[in-house]
Amino acid sequence: MAGKQNVTYILRCSDGTLYTGWTNNITKRLEAHNAGKGGKYTRVRTPVELVYLEEHETKQEAMSREVQIKQLSRKEKDRLIADAKEKQDFS
């Protein structure tokens, strides 16, 4: 995945926790997270692994979906990730 796109994503951190965010450049954002320059939460939990990704037409849609995912329980997030893995490989 390269270039500018509006995406909502979930990362699995080195401690097993999940981090949800949005960006318009997933490649650059992943590099920042793994360099310890991403979100405050991930800075001490590197390396991180991309486990879920949704593309959106607009920044507003991506941001809105980020909020929706953050409100899900861990079990619901795990189900979302598992369903996505069946459709596309993130490993």
PDB file of N, CA and C in Angstrom:
ATOM      1  N   MET A   1       0.855  -1.176   0.000  1.00  0.00           N
ATOM      2  CA  MET A   1       0.000   0.000   0.000  1.00  0.00           C
ATOM      3  C   MET A   1       0.898   1.236   0.000  1.00  0.00           C
ATOM      4  N   ALA A   2       0.774   2.071  -0.999  1.00  0.00           N
ATOM      5  CA  ALA A   2       1.609   3.254  -1.084  1.00  0.00           C
ATOM      6  C   ALA A   2       0.761   4.450  -1.481  1.00  0.00           C
ATOM      7  N   GLY A   3       1.342   5.618  -1.317  1.00  0.00           N
ATOM      8  CA  GLY A   3       0.660   6.824  -1.743  1.00  0.00           C
ATOM      9  C   GLY A   3      -0.293   7.375  -0.712  1.00  0.00           C
ATOM     10  N   LYS A   4      -0.951   8.451  -1.109  1.00  0.00           N
ATOM     11  CA  LYS A   4      -1.863   9.122  -0.187  1.00  0.00           C
ATOM     12  C   LYS A   4      -3.262   8.559  -0.321  1.00  0.00           C
ATOM     13  N   GLN A   5      -3.780   8.110   0.801  1.00  0.00           N
ATOM     14  CA  GLN A   5      -5.127   7.583   0.895  1.00  0.00           C
ATOM     15  C   GLN A   5      -5.615   7.901   2.291  1.00  0.00           C
ATOM     16  N   ASN A   6      -6.889   7.988   2.440  1.00  0.00           N
ATOM     17  CA  ASN A   6      -7.465   8.177   3.772  1.00  0.00           C
ATOM     18  C   ASN A   6      -7.799   6.801   4.313  1.00  0.00           C
ATOM     19  N   VAL A   7      -7.095   6.396   5.364  1.00  0.00           N
ATOM     20  CA  VAL A   7      -7.299   5.065   5.910  1.00  0.00           C
ATOM     21  C   VAL A   7      -7.468   5.104   7.420  1.00  0.00           C
ATOM     22  N   THR A   8      -8.230   4.143   7.912  1.00  0.00           N
ATOM     23  CA  THR A   8      -8.334   3.861   9.335  1.00  0.00           C
ATOM     24  C   THR A   8      -7.607   2.543   9.529  1.00  0.00           C
ATOM     25  N   TYR A   9      -6.801   2.457  10.582  1.00  0.00           N
ATOM     26  CA  TYR A   9      -5.980   1.270  10.748  1.00  0.00           C
ATOM     27  C   TYR A   9      -5.922   0.842  12.212  1.00  0.00           C
ATOM     28  N   ILE A  10      -5.575  -0.432  12.397  1.00  0.00           N
ATOM     29  CA  ILE A  10      -5.333  -0.966  13.737  1.00  0.00           C
ATOM     30  C   ILE A  10      -3.950  -1.597  13.729  1.00  0.00           C
ATOM     31  N   LEU A  11      -3.176  -1.284  14.758  1.00  0.00           N
ATOM     32  CA  LEU A  11      -1.852  -1.862  14.943  1.00  0.00           C
ATOM     33  C   LEU A  11      -1.868  -2.780  16.157  1.00  0.00           C
ATOM     34  N   ARG A  12      -1.102  -3.858  16.073  1.00  0.00           N
ATOM     35  CA  ARG A  12      -0.855  -4.680  17.254  1.00  0.00           C
ATOM     36  C   ARG A  12       0.517  -4.260  17.764  1.00  0.00           C
ATOM     37  N   CYS A  13       0.556  -3.800  19.006  1.00  0.00           N
ATOM     38  CA  CYS A  13       1.799  -3.333  19.612  1.00  0.00           C
ATOM     39  C   CYS A  13       2.591  -4.512  20.170  1.00  0.00           C
ATOM     40  N   SER A  14       3.847  -4.270  20.499  1.00  0.00           N
ATOM     41  CA  SER A  14       4.726  -5.329  20.987  1.00  0.00           C
ATOM     42  C   SER A  14       4.227  -5.960  22.281  1.00  0.00           C
ATOM     43  N   ASP A  15       3.422  -5.242  23.053  1.00  0.00           N
ATOM     44  CA  ASP A  15       2.877  -5.794  24.297  1.00  0.00           C
ATOM     45  C   ASP A  15       1.525  -6.475  24.096  1.00  0.00           C
ATOM     46  N   GLY A  16       1.084  -6.592  22.825  1.00  0.00           N
ATOM     47  CA  GLY A  16      -0.168  -7.274  22.509  1.00  0.00           C
ATOM     48  C   GLY A  16      -1.391  -6.374  22.496  1.00  0.00           C
ATOM     49  N   THR A  17      -1.241  -5.125  22.895  1.00  0.00           N
ATOM     50  CA  THR A  17      -2.372  -4.207  22.879  1.00  0.00           C
ATOM     51  C   THR A  17      -2.623  -3.725  21.453  1.00  0.00           C
ATOM     52  N   LEU A  18      -3.789  -3.139  21.244  1.00  0.00           N
ATOM     53  CA  LEU A  18      -4.171  -2.635  19.927  1.00  0.00           C
ATOM     54  C   LEU A  18      -4.221  -1.113  19.944  1.00  0.00           C
ATOM     55  N   TYR A  19      -3.820  -0.511  18.846  1.00  0.00           N
ATOM     56  CA  TYR A  19      -3.852   0.939  18.672  1.00  0.00           C
ATOM     57  C   TYR A  19      -4.618   1.229  17.390  1.00  0.00           C
ATOM     58  N   THR A  20      -5.568   2.133  17.446  1.00  0.00           N
ATOM     59  CA  THR A  20      -6.364   2.516  16.276  1.00  0.00           C
ATOM     60  C   THR A  20      -6.064   3.961  15.915  1.00  0.00           C
ATOM     61  N   GLY A  21      -5.903   4.217  14.631  1.00  0.00           N
ATOM     62  CA  GLY A  21      -5.648   5.576  14.166  1.00  0.00           C
ATOM     63  C   GLY A  21      -6.129   5.757  12.743  1.00  0.00           C
ATOM     64  N   TRP A  22      -5.863   6.921  12.201  1.00  0.00           N
ATOM     65  CA  TRP A  22      -6.179   7.197  10.797  1.00  0.00           C
ATOM     66  C   TRP A  22      -5.013   7.987  10.220  1.00  0.00           C
ATOM     67  N   THR A  23      -4.861   7.930   8.917  1.00  0.00           N
ATOM     68  CA  THR A  23      -3.802   8.668   8.239  1.00  0.00           C
ATOM     69  C   THR A  23      -4.135   8.820   6.770  1.00  0.00           C
ATOM     70  N   ASN A  24      -3.404   9.684   6.097  1.00  0.00           N
ATOM     71  CA  ASN A  24      -3.545   9.785   4.646  1.00  0.00           C
ATOM     72  C   ASN A  24      -2.306   9.224   3.945  1.00  0.00           C
ATOM     73  N   ASN A  25      -1.378   8.637   4.733  1.00  0.00           N
ATOM     74  CA  ASN A  25      -0.200   7.999   4.152  1.00  0.00           C
ATOM     75  C   ASN A  25       0.235   6.877   5.092  1.00  0.00           C
ATOM     76  N   ILE A  26      -0.289   5.682   4.876  1.00  0.00           N
ATOM     77  CA  ILE A  26      -0.066   4.573   5.801  1.00  0.00           C
ATOM     78  C   ILE A  26       1.403   4.158   5.856  1.00  0.00           C
ATOM     79  N   THR A  27       2.098   4.198   4.739  1.00  0.00           N
ATOM     80  CA  THR A  27       3.505   3.797   4.731  1.00  0.00           C
ATOM     81  C   THR A  27       4.328   4.702   5.637  1.00  0.00           C
ATOM     82  N   LYS A  28       4.166   5.990   5.465  1.00  0.00           N
ATOM     83  CA  LYS A  28       4.897   6.963   6.282  1.00  0.00           C
ATOM     84  C   LYS A  28       4.494   6.854   7.756  1.00  0.00           C
ATOM     85  N   ARG A  29       3.218   6.638   7.999  1.00  0.00           N
ATOM     86  CA  ARG A  29       2.730   6.554   9.383  1.00  0.00           C
ATOM     87  C   ARG A  29       3.283   5.320  10.091  1.00  0.00           C
ATOM     88  N   LEU A  30       3.325   4.174   9.408  1.00  0.00           N
ATOM     89  CA  LEU A  30       3.897   2.966  10.006  1.00  0.00           C
ATOM     90  C   LEU A  30       5.374   3.155  10.330  1.00  0.00           C
ATOM     91  N   GLU A  31       6.084   3.789   9.416  1.00  0.00           N
ATOM     92  CA  GLU A  31       7.502   4.072   9.661  1.00  0.00           C
ATOM     93  C   GLU A  31       7.662   4.952  10.897  1.00  0.00           C
ATOM     94  N   ALA A  32       6.800   5.947  11.027  1.00  0.00           N
ATOM     95  CA  ALA A  32       6.870   6.843  12.190  1.00  0.00           C
ATOM     96  C   ALA A  32       6.580   6.082  13.480  1.00  0.00           C
ATOM     97  N   HIS A  33       5.533   5.250  13.467  1.00  0.00           N
ATOM     98  CA  HIS A  33       5.211   4.471  14.666  1.00  0.00           C
ATOM     99  C   HIS A  33       6.394   3.593  15.070  1.00  0.00           C
ATOM    100  N   ASN A  34       6.977   2.900  14.126  1.00  0.00           N
ATOM    101  CA  ASN A  34       8.066   1.975  14.440  1.00  0.00           C
ATOM    102  C   ASN A  34       9.379   2.678  14.768  1.00  0.00           C
ATOM    103  N   ALA A  35       9.483   3.951  14.416  1.00  0.00           N
ATOM    104  CA  ALA A  35      10.659   4.739  14.774  1.00  0.00           C
ATOM    105  C   ALA A  35      10.474   5.418  16.132  1.00  0.00           C
ATOM    106  N   GLY A  36       9.330   5.165  16.770  1.00  0.00           N
ATOM    107  CA  GLY A  36       9.067   5.801  18.059  1.00  0.00           C
ATOM    108  C   GLY A  36       8.611   7.235  17.934  1.00  0.00           C
ATOM    109  N   LYS A  37       8.176   7.629  16.738  1.00  0.00           N
ATOM    110  CA  LYS A  37       7.743   9.007  16.496  1.00  0.00           C
ATOM    111  C   LYS A  37       6.264   9.082  16.138  1.00  0.00           C
ATOM    112  N   GLY A  38       5.554   7.988  16.355  1.00  0.00           N
ATOM    113  CA  GLY A  38       4.126   7.959  16.048  1.00  0.00           C
ATOM    114  C   GLY A  38       3.335   8.464  17.233  1.00  0.00           C
ATOM    115  N   GLY A  39       2.189   7.866  17.460  1.00  0.00           N
ATOM    116  CA  GLY A  39       1.346   8.247  18.576  1.00  0.00           C
ATOM    117  C   GLY A  39       2.042   8.033  19.905  1.00  0.00           C
ATOM    118  N   LYS A  40       1.700   8.839  20.869  1.00  0.00           N
ATOM    119  CA  LYS A  40       2.285   8.752  22.202  1.00  0.00           C
ATOM    120  C   LYS A  40       2.159   7.333  22.766  1.00  0.00           C
ATOM    121  N   TYR A  41       1.020   6.709  22.513  1.00  0.00           N
ATOM    122  CA  TYR A  41       0.756   5.373  23.032  1.00  0.00           C
ATOM    123  C   TYR A  41       1.743   4.349  22.475  1.00  0.00           C
ATOM    124  N   THR A  42       2.060   4.457  21.186  1.00  0.00           N
ATOM    125  CA  THR A  42       2.905   3.434  20.554  1.00  0.00           C
ATOM    126  C   THR A  42       4.398   3.663  20.775  1.00  0.00           C
ATOM    127  N   ARG A  43       4.794   4.827  21.202  1.00  0.00           N
ATOM    128  CA  ARG A  43       6.224   5.133  21.338  1.00  0.00           C
ATOM    129  C   ARG A  43       6.976   4.132  22.189  1.00  0.00           C
ATOM    130  N   VAL A  44       6.355   3.643  23.234  1.00  0.00           N
ATOM    131  CA  VAL A  44       7.024   2.702  24.135  1.00  0.00           C
ATOM    132  C   VAL A  44       6.574   1.265  23.871  1.00  0.00           C
ATOM    133  N   ARG A  45       5.843   1.050  22.800  1.00  0.00           N
ATOM    134  CA  ARG A  45       5.303  -0.282  22.497  1.00  0.00           C
ATOM    135  C   ARG A  45       5.720  -0.771  21.110  1.00  0.00           C
ATOM    136  N   THR A  46       6.881  -0.353  20.653  1.00  0.00           N
ATOM    137  CA  THR A  46       7.367  -0.777  19.338  1.00  0.00           C
ATOM    138  C   THR A  46       8.093  -2.111  19.467  1.00  0.00           C
ATOM    139  N   PRO A  47       8.170  -2.883  18.413  1.00  0.00           N
ATOM    140  CA  PRO A  47       7.618  -2.593  17.094  1.00  0.00           C
ATOM    141  C   PRO A  47       6.111  -2.841  17.052  1.00  0.00           C
ATOM    142  N   VAL A  48       5.473  -2.199  16.092  1.00  0.00           N
ATOM    143  CA  VAL A  48       4.041  -2.389  15.883  1.00  0.00           C
ATOM    144  C   VAL A  48       3.835  -3.099  14.550  1.00  0.00           C
ATOM    145  N   GLU A  49       2.698  -3.786  14.445  1.00  0.00           N
ATOM    146  CA  GLU A  49       2.372  -4.535  13.232  1.00  0.00           C
ATOM    147  C   GLU A  49       0.990  -4.115  12.752  1.00  0.00           C
ATOM    148  N   LEU A  50       0.868  -3.816  11.473  1.00  0.00           N
ATOM    149  CA  LEU A  50      -0.417  -3.480  10.886  1.00  0.00           C
ATOM    150  C   LEU A  50      -1.267  -4.740  10.810  1.00  0.00           C
ATOM    151  N   VAL A  51      -2.444  -4.719  11.456  1.00  0.00           N
ATOM    152  CA  VAL A  51      -3.310  -5.896  11.453  1.00  0.00           C
ATOM    153  C   VAL A  51      -4.677  -5.624  10.840  1.00  0.00           C
ATOM    154  N   TYR A  52      -4.996  -4.354  10.568  1.00  0.00           N
ATOM    155  CA  TYR A  52      -6.305  -4.020   9.995  1.00  0.00           C
ATOM    156  C   TYR A  52      -6.216  -2.683   9.275  1.00  0.00           C
ATOM    157  N   LEU A  53      -6.900  -2.585   8.149  1.00  0.00           N
ATOM    158  CA  LEU A  53      -6.863  -1.365   7.350  1.00  0.00           C
ATOM    159  C   LEU A  53      -8.171  -1.211   6.589  1.00  0.00           C
ATOM    160  N   GLU A  54      -8.736  -0.020   6.608  1.00  0.00           N
ATOM    161  CA  GLU A  54      -9.921   0.332   5.817  1.00  0.00           C
ATOM    162  C   GLU A  54      -9.607   1.594   5.035  1.00  0.00           C
ATOM    163  N   GLU A  55      -9.916   1.611   3.760  1.00  0.00           N
ATOM    164  CA  GLU A  55      -9.739   2.804   2.940  1.00  0.00           C
ATOM    165  C   GLU A  55     -11.036   3.597   2.907  1.00  0.00           C
ATOM    166  N   HIS A  56     -10.910   4.933   2.872  1.00  0.00           N
ATOM    167  CA  HIS A  56     -12.072   5.819   2.841  1.00  0.00           C
ATOM    168  C   HIS A  56     -11.873   6.908   1.798  1.00  0.00           C
ATOM    169  N   GLU A  57     -12.972   7.416   1.305  1.00  0.00           N
ATOM    170  CA  GLU A  57     -12.929   8.483   0.300  1.00  0.00           C
ATOM    171  C   GLU A  57     -12.413   9.802   0.879  1.00  0.00           C
ATOM    172  N   THR A  58     -12.797  10.096   2.115  1.00  0.00           N
ATOM    173  CA  THR A  58     -12.444  11.389   2.695  1.00  0.00           C
ATOM    174  C   THR A  58     -11.776  11.238   4.059  1.00  0.00           C
ATOM    175  N   LYS A  59     -11.084  12.276   4.448  1.00  0.00           N
ATOM    176  CA  LYS A  59     -10.460  12.344   5.772  1.00  0.00           C
ATOM    177  C   LYS A  59     -11.527  12.226   6.860  1.00  0.00           C
ATOM    178  N   GLN A  60     -12.648  12.880   6.659  1.00  0.00           N
ATOM    179  CA  GLN A  60     -13.725  12.871   7.651  1.00  0.00           C
ATOM    180  C   GLN A  60     -14.262  11.456   7.881  1.00  0.00           C
ATOM    181  N   GLU A  61     -14.415  10.694   6.797  1.00  0.00           N
ATOM    182  CA  GLU A  61     -14.885   9.312   6.928  1.00  0.00           C
ATOM    183  C   GLU A  61     -13.878   8.466   7.710  1.00  0.00           C
ATOM    184  N   ALA A  62     -12.599   8.639   7.414  1.00  0.00           N
ATOM    185  CA  ALA A  62     -11.554   7.882   8.109  1.00  0.00           C
ATOM    186  C   ALA A  62     -11.529   8.238   9.597  1.00  0.00           C
ATOM    187  N   MET A  63     -11.645   9.504   9.901  1.00  0.00           N
ATOM    188  CA  MET A  63     -11.634   9.950  11.299  1.00  0.00           C
ATOM    189  C   MET A  63     -12.868   9.445  12.045  1.00  0.00           C
ATOM    190  N   SER A  64     -13.986   9.468  11.385  1.00  0.00           N
ATOM    191  CA  SER A  64     -15.239   8.999  11.973  1.00  0.00           C
ATOM    192  C   SER A  64     -15.162   7.510  12.282  1.00  0.00           C
ATOM    193  N   ARG A  65     -14.609   6.747  11.341  1.00  0.00           N
ATOM    194  CA  ARG A  65     -14.475   5.309  11.546  1.00  0.00           C
ATOM    195  C   ARG A  65     -13.487   5.003  12.671  1.00  0.00           C
ATOM    196  N   GLU A  66     -12.442   5.810  12.807  1.00  0.00           N
ATOM    197  CA  GLU A  66     -11.493   5.652  13.918  1.00  0.00           C
ATOM    198  C   GLU A  66     -12.234   5.737  15.248  1.00  0.00           C
ATOM    199  N   VAL A  67     -13.097   6.713  15.394  1.00  0.00           N
ATOM    200  CA  VAL A  67     -13.871   6.888  16.625  1.00  0.00           C
ATOM    201  C   VAL A  67     -14.763   5.671  16.857  1.00  0.00           C
ATOM    202  N   GLN A  68     -15.420   5.193  15.804  1.00  0.00           N
ATOM    203  CA  GLN A  68     -16.290   4.020  15.936  1.00  0.00           C
ATOM    204  C   GLN A  68     -15.508   2.794  16.408  1.00  0.00           C
ATOM    205  N   ILE A  69     -14.348   2.560  15.815  1.00  0.00           N
ATOM    206  CA  ILE A  69     -13.548   1.391  16.190  1.00  0.00           C
ATOM    207  C   ILE A  69     -13.043   1.518  17.622  1.00  0.00           C
ATOM    208  N   LYS A  70     -12.642   2.711  18.019  1.00  0.00           N
ATOM    209  CA  LYS A  70     -12.149   2.906  19.383  1.00  0.00           C
ATOM    210  C   LYS A  70     -13.221   2.609  20.428  1.00  0.00           C
ATOM    211  N   GLN A  71     -14.478   2.704  20.048  1.00  0.00           N
ATOM    212  CA  GLN A  71     -15.579   2.430  20.980  1.00  0.00           C
ATOM    213  C   GLN A  71     -15.909   0.942  21.075  1.00  0.00           C
ATOM    214  N   LEU A  72     -15.329   0.122  20.187  1.00  0.00           N
ATOM    215  CA  LEU A  72     -15.572  -1.312  20.226  1.00  0.00           C
ATOM    216  C   LEU A  72     -14.821  -1.951  21.387  1.00  0.00           C
ATOM    217  N   SER A  73     -15.339  -3.074  21.846  1.00  0.00           N
ATOM    218  CA  SER A  73     -14.626  -3.842  22.879  1.00  0.00           C
ATOM    219  C   SER A  73     -13.435  -4.534  22.223  1.00  0.00           C
ATOM    220  N   ARG A  74     -12.533  -5.049  23.043  1.00  0.00           N
ATOM    221  CA  ARG A  74     -11.375  -5.771  22.518  1.00  0.00           C
ATOM    222  C   ARG A  74     -11.848  -6.982  21.712  1.00  0.00           C
ATOM    223  N   LYS A  75     -12.853  -7.675  22.217  1.00  0.00           N
ATOM    224  CA  LYS A  75     -13.383  -8.845  21.534  1.00  0.00           C
ATOM    225  C   LYS A  75     -13.923  -8.464  20.150  1.00  0.00           C
ATOM    226  N   GLU A  76     -14.629  -7.350  20.063  1.00  0.00           N
ATOM    227  CA  GLU A  76     -15.174  -6.887  18.789  1.00  0.00           C
ATOM    228  C   GLU A  76     -14.051  -6.483  17.828  1.00  0.00           C
ATOM    229  N   LYS A  77     -12.999  -5.851  18.347  1.00  0.00           N
ATOM    230  CA  LYS A  77     -11.853  -5.492  17.506  1.00  0.00           C
ATOM    231  C   LYS A  77     -11.154  -6.745  16.993  1.00  0.00           C
ATOM    232  N   ASP A  78     -10.979  -7.736  17.867  1.00  0.00           N
ATOM    233  CA  ASP A  78     -10.357  -8.993  17.450  1.00  0.00           C
ATOM    234  C   ASP A  78     -11.172  -9.663  16.348  1.00  0.00           C
ATOM    235  N   ARG A  79     -12.481  -9.611  16.447  1.00  0.00           N
ATOM    236  CA  ARG A  79     -13.367 -10.191  15.428  1.00  0.00           C
ATOM    237  C   ARG A  79     -13.210  -9.428  14.106  1.00  0.00           C
ATOM    238  N   LEU A  80     -13.146  -8.104  14.168  1.00  0.00           N
ATOM    239  CA  LEU A  80     -12.956  -7.268  12.986  1.00  0.00           C
ATOM    240  C   LEU A  80     -11.641  -7.637  12.287  1.00  0.00           C
ATOM    241  N   ILE A  81     -10.587  -7.799  13.076  1.00  0.00           N
ATOM    242  CA  ILE A  81      -9.266  -8.164  12.538  1.00  0.00           C
ATOM    243  C   ILE A  81      -9.312  -9.552  11.917  1.00  0.00           C
ATOM    244  N   ALA A  82      -9.929 -10.510  12.608  1.00  0.00           N
ATOM    245  CA  ALA A  82     -10.021 -11.879  12.097  1.00  0.00           C
ATOM    246  C   ALA A  82     -10.802 -11.936  10.790  1.00  0.00           C
ATOM    247  N   ASP A  83     -11.906 -11.201  10.721  1.00  0.00           N
ATOM    248  CA  ASP A  83     -12.702 -11.165   9.490  1.00  0.00           C
ATOM    249  C   ASP A  83     -11.899 -10.591   8.330  1.00  0.00           C
ATOM    250  N   ALA A  84     -11.114  -9.552   8.611  1.00  0.00           N
ATOM    251  CA  ALA A  84     -10.297  -8.925   7.567  1.00  0.00           C
ATOM    252  C   ALA A  84      -9.204  -9.872   7.102  1.00  0.00           C
ATOM    253  N   LYS A  85      -8.628 -10.640   8.016  1.00  0.00           N
ATOM    254  CA  LYS A  85      -7.576 -11.584   7.643  1.00  0.00           C
ATOM    255  C   LYS A  85      -8.088 -12.652   6.708  1.00  0.00           C
ATOM    256  N   GLU A  86      -9.357 -13.010   6.859  1.00  0.00           N
ATOM    257  CA  GLU A  86      -9.937 -14.001   5.944  1.00  0.00           C
ATOM    258  C   GLU A  86     -10.029 -13.449   4.527  1.00  0.00           C
ATOM    259  N   LYS A  87     -10.220 -12.137   4.407  1.00  0.00           N
ATOM    260  CA  LYS A  87     -10.369 -11.506   3.105  1.00  0.00           C
ATOM    261  C   LYS A  87      -9.026 -11.096   2.502  1.00  0.00           C
ATOM    262  N   GLN A  88      -8.061 -10.716   3.366  1.00  0.00           N
ATOM    263  CA  GLN A  88      -6.776 -10.214   2.895  1.00  0.00           C
ATOM    264  C   GLN A  88      -5.705 -10.534   3.925  1.00  0.00           C
ATOM    265  N   ASP A  89      -4.530 -10.867   3.469  1.00  0.00           N
ATOM    266  CA  ASP A  89      -3.439 -11.237   4.349  1.00  0.00           C
ATOM    267  C   ASP A  89      -2.662  -9.990   4.787  1.00  0.00           C
ATOM    268  N   PHE A  90      -2.549  -9.767   6.115  1.00  0.00           N
ATOM    269  CA  PHE A  90      -1.767  -8.650   6.649  1.00  0.00           C
ATOM    270  C   PHE A  90      -0.452  -9.113   7.237  1.00  0.00           C
ATOM    271  N   SER A  91      -0.121 -10.381   7.138  1.00  0.00           N
ATOM    272  CA  SER A  91       1.121 -10.862   7.749  1.00  0.00           C
ATOM    273  C   SER A  91       2.307 -10.682   6.849  1.00  0.00           C
TER     274      SER A  91
END
